[in-house]
Amino acid sequence: MTAISQAEFDYLFKLLLIGDSGVGKSSLLLSFTTDSFEDLSPTIGVDFKVKMVNIGGKRLKLAIWDTAGQERFRTLTSSYYRGAQGIILVYDVTRRDTFTNLKDVWAKEIELYSTNQDCIKMLVGNKVDKEGRRVVTKKEGIDFAREYGCLFLECSAKTRVNVEKCFEELVLKILETPSLLAAGSTGVKKNIFTQKPPQADEYTSTCC
């Protein structure tokens, strides 16, 4: 996967990061977009980053939305599911509750709010650098992914193990899905990135 200039791209894809507060969604996004790691404070509402990449022979503009995991922001983030071609569900392999909440909270949210029937889901177990404190096994992750039709990877935002692979495998699957590809090719000339994330209710599905 190589970075490309902002000037030209073949497709625009909207990706969404969801999961409990503190599982490392923001750190994953930072690791992927800037090749760096920070222990970040919880996201307030939503954050938004753009990454230009070359995957599968296509020039892609990825608009990646990082949502708040705290319940008090839940209603604020529901609109961000609209038009997403890819959703990354993140849990912390050292915290059992973040894994069980995938089924109890986050899978239900996708069912309620996702507007793309063929949306690709990627399950990510983060913080494998803390292997000694692991409480969720890899097999449990695989079983969940099979049950809910997700791709699956374990990674570490801190050491960058599998971080690029998470996004790359998700995007490759989107590229293999005709309906999502069609959605990503419409409205690509419009500059939707002038909007600030809190105004994202205006973000129309014609963009991606």
Foldseek 3Di string as FASTA:
>chain_A
DAFDDPPDFQFEAEEEEAFAWPLCQVLLVCCQAPVAGDRDHFDDAKDWDWTWDQAPNTTYIYIYIYGGRDPVNVVSCLLSLEQHQEYEYEGEQLDPVRVVCCVVPVLVSCVVRHPDPNRAYEYEHEDCVVVVRGDHDPVNQVVVCVVSVHHYDYYYSHVGRCSNVRVNVNVVVLVVDVVSSVQGRFPCVDDPPVDGVSVCNPVDSRND
